[in-house]
Amino acid sequence: MAYKISDECICCGACEVECPVSAISEGDGKYIIDPELCIECGACAAVCPVGAPKQD
């Protein structure tokens, strides 16, 4: 299952630069992950300071 960013997101951008397939972009108030591009590698979850990315 693709990762999804929860409302805990603080918009720091750490996940966006870490994503190897550029599946993460800035959304309205939080970052979002395109489930079609996500390869479920977990890189975003590993760098998030608040644990916002979670497997859907």
N, C-alpha and C. Protein backbone atom coordinates (compact mmCIF):
# COMPACT_ATOMS: atom_id res chain seq x y z
N MET A 1 0.84 -1.18 0.00
CA MET A 1 0.00 0.00 0.00
C MET A 1 0.88 1.25 0.00
N ALA A 2 0.50 2.22 -0.78
CA ALA A 2 1.25 3.47 -0.88
C ALA A 2 1.21 4.23 0.44
N TYR A 3 2.21 5.08 0.63
CA TYR A 3 2.23 5.92 1.82
C TYR A 3 1.29 7.10 1.64
N LYS A 4 0.80 7.61 2.75
CA LYS A 4 -0.09 8.77 2.75
C LYS A 4 0.37 9.67 3.90
N ILE A 5 0.33 10.98 3.69
CA ILE A 5 0.79 11.91 4.72
C ILE A 5 -0.40 12.37 5.55
N SER A 6 -0.30 12.20 6.85
CA SER A 6 -1.40 12.55 7.76
C SER A 6 -1.41 14.04 8.07
N ASP A 7 -2.42 14.46 8.80
CA ASP A 7 -2.56 15.87 9.19
C ASP A 7 -1.49 16.32 10.18
N GLU A 8 -0.66 15.40 10.65
CA GLU A 8 0.44 15.75 11.54
C GLU A 8 1.55 16.51 10.80
N CYS A 9 1.49 16.52 9.48
CA CYS A 9 2.51 17.16 8.63
C CYS A 9 2.73 18.62 9.02
N ILE A 10 4.01 18.99 9.16
CA ILE A 10 4.36 20.38 9.52
C ILE A 10 4.96 21.12 8.32
N CYS A 11 4.85 20.56 7.13
CA CYS A 11 5.31 21.18 5.88
C CYS A 11 6.78 21.57 5.90
N CYS A 12 7.62 20.71 6.45
CA CYS A 12 9.06 21.01 6.50
C CYS A 12 9.76 20.70 5.18
N GLY A 13 9.18 19.80 4.38
CA GLY A 13 9.75 19.47 3.08
C GLY A 13 10.79 18.37 3.08
N ALA A 14 11.11 17.82 4.25
CA ALA A 14 12.13 16.77 4.33
C ALA A 14 11.76 15.56 3.47
N CYS A 15 10.51 15.19 3.46
CA CYS A 15 10.07 14.01 2.71
C CYS A 15 10.18 14.22 1.20
N GLU A 16 9.86 15.42 0.76
CA GLU A 16 9.86 15.70 -0.68
C GLU A 16 11.24 15.49 -1.30
N VAL A 17 12.26 16.02 -0.65
CA VAL A 17 13.62 15.89 -1.21
C VAL A 17 14.17 14.47 -1.07
N GLU A 18 13.63 13.68 -0.16
CA GLU A 18 14.11 12.31 0.06
C GLU A 18 13.46 11.30 -0.88
N CYS A 19 12.31 11.62 -1.45
CA CYS A 19 11.58 10.67 -2.30
C CYS A 19 12.33 10.39 -3.60
N PRO A 20 12.72 9.12 -3.85
CA PRO A 20 13.50 8.79 -5.04
C PRO A 20 12.72 8.84 -6.36
N VAL A 21 11.39 8.88 -6.28
CA VAL A 21 10.57 8.90 -7.50
C VAL A 21 9.76 10.18 -7.64
N SER A 22 10.05 11.18 -6.83
CA SER A 22 9.37 12.48 -6.88
C SER A 22 7.85 12.35 -6.79
N ALA A 23 7.39 11.50 -5.89
CA ALA A 23 5.96 11.28 -5.71
C ALA A 23 5.34 12.27 -4.72
N ILE A 24 6.17 13.07 -4.06
CA ILE A 24 5.67 13.97 -3.01
C ILE A 24 5.72 15.41 -3.48
N SER A 25 4.62 16.13 -3.23
CA SER A 25 4.56 17.55 -3.58
C SER A 25 3.81 18.30 -2.49
N GLU A 26 3.99 19.62 -2.49
CA GLU A 26 3.33 20.44 -1.48
C GLU A 26 1.87 20.60 -1.84
N GLY A 27 1.01 20.27 -0.88
CA GLY A 27 -0.42 20.40 -1.10
C GLY A 27 -0.96 21.59 -0.34
N ASP A 28 -2.22 21.58 -0.05
CA ASP A 28 -2.88 22.67 0.66
C ASP A 28 -2.78 22.42 2.16
N GLY A 29 -1.76 22.98 2.80
CA GLY A 29 -1.59 22.83 4.24
C GLY A 29 -0.75 21.65 4.68
N LYS A 30 -0.44 20.74 3.76
CA LYS A 30 0.43 19.61 4.06
C LYS A 30 0.94 19.04 2.74
N TYR A 31 1.97 18.22 2.83
CA TYR A 31 2.50 17.57 1.63
C TYR A 31 1.62 16.39 1.27
N ILE A 32 1.61 16.03 0.00
CA ILE A 32 0.79 14.91 -0.47
C ILE A 32 1.66 13.94 -1.27
N ILE A 33 1.27 12.68 -1.26
CA ILE A 33 1.98 11.64 -2.00
C ILE A 33 1.07 11.11 -3.10
N ASP A 34 1.58 11.10 -4.32
CA ASP A 34 0.84 10.54 -5.45
C ASP A 34 0.91 9.02 -5.35
N PRO A 35 -0.21 8.37 -5.08
CA PRO A 35 -0.20 6.90 -4.89
C PRO A 35 0.19 6.15 -6.16
N GLU A 36 0.03 6.77 -7.31
CA GLU A 36 0.41 6.12 -8.58
C GLU A 36 1.93 6.07 -8.74
N LEU A 37 2.64 7.02 -8.12
CA LEU A 37 4.09 7.08 -8.24
C LEU A 37 4.82 6.44 -7.07
N CYS A 38 4.18 6.37 -5.92
CA CYS A 38 4.81 5.85 -4.70
C CYS A 38 5.24 4.40 -4.88
N ILE A 39 6.52 4.12 -4.54
CA ILE A 39 7.04 2.75 -4.65
C ILE A 39 7.16 2.08 -3.27
N GLU A 40 6.57 2.72 -2.26
CA GLU A 40 6.50 2.16 -0.91
C GLU A 40 7.86 1.88 -0.30
N CYS A 41 8.84 2.73 -0.57
CA CYS A 41 10.20 2.49 -0.07
C CYS A 41 10.38 2.91 1.39
N GLY A 42 9.53 3.84 1.86
CA GLY A 42 9.61 4.27 3.25
C GLY A 42 10.61 5.38 3.52
N ALA A 43 11.26 5.89 2.49
CA ALA A 43 12.25 6.95 2.67
C ALA A 43 11.62 8.19 3.32
N CYS A 44 10.41 8.51 2.95
CA CYS A 44 9.72 9.68 3.50
C CYS A 44 9.46 9.51 5.00
N ALA A 45 9.02 8.33 5.38
CA ALA A 45 8.73 8.05 6.79
C ALA A 45 10.00 8.09 7.64
N ALA A 46 11.10 7.67 7.05
CA ALA A 46 12.37 7.63 7.78
C ALA A 46 12.90 9.01 8.12
N VAL A 47 12.61 10.01 7.29
CA VAL A 47 13.16 11.35 7.53
C VAL A 47 12.17 12.32 8.16
N CYS A 48 10.91 11.96 8.25
CA CYS A 48 9.90 12.87 8.79
C CYS A 48 10.08 13.06 10.31
N PRO A 49 10.22 14.32 10.75
CA PRO A 49 10.42 14.56 12.18
C PRO A 49 9.17 14.34 13.05
N VAL A 50 8.00 14.28 12.41
CA VAL A 50 6.76 14.08 13.19
C VAL A 50 6.03 12.77 12.84
N GLY A 51 6.61 11.96 11.98
CA GLY A 51 6.00 10.67 11.64
C GLY A 51 4.72 10.77 10.84
N ALA A 52 4.60 11.80 10.00
CA ALA A 52 3.37 12.01 9.23
C ALA A 52 3.13 10.97 8.12
N PRO A 53 4.17 10.56 7.37
CA PRO A 53 3.90 9.56 6.33
C PRO A 53 3.65 8.18 6.94
N LYS A 54 2.54 7.58 6.54
CA LYS A 54 2.18 6.26 7.04
C LYS A 54 1.68 5.43 5.87
N GLN A 55 1.88 4.11 5.95
CA GLN A 55 1.35 3.28 4.90
C GLN A 55 -0.16 3.29 4.95
N ASP A 56 -0.78 3.48 3.79
CA ASP A 56 -2.23 3.58 3.69
C ASP A 56 -2.89 2.22 3.84
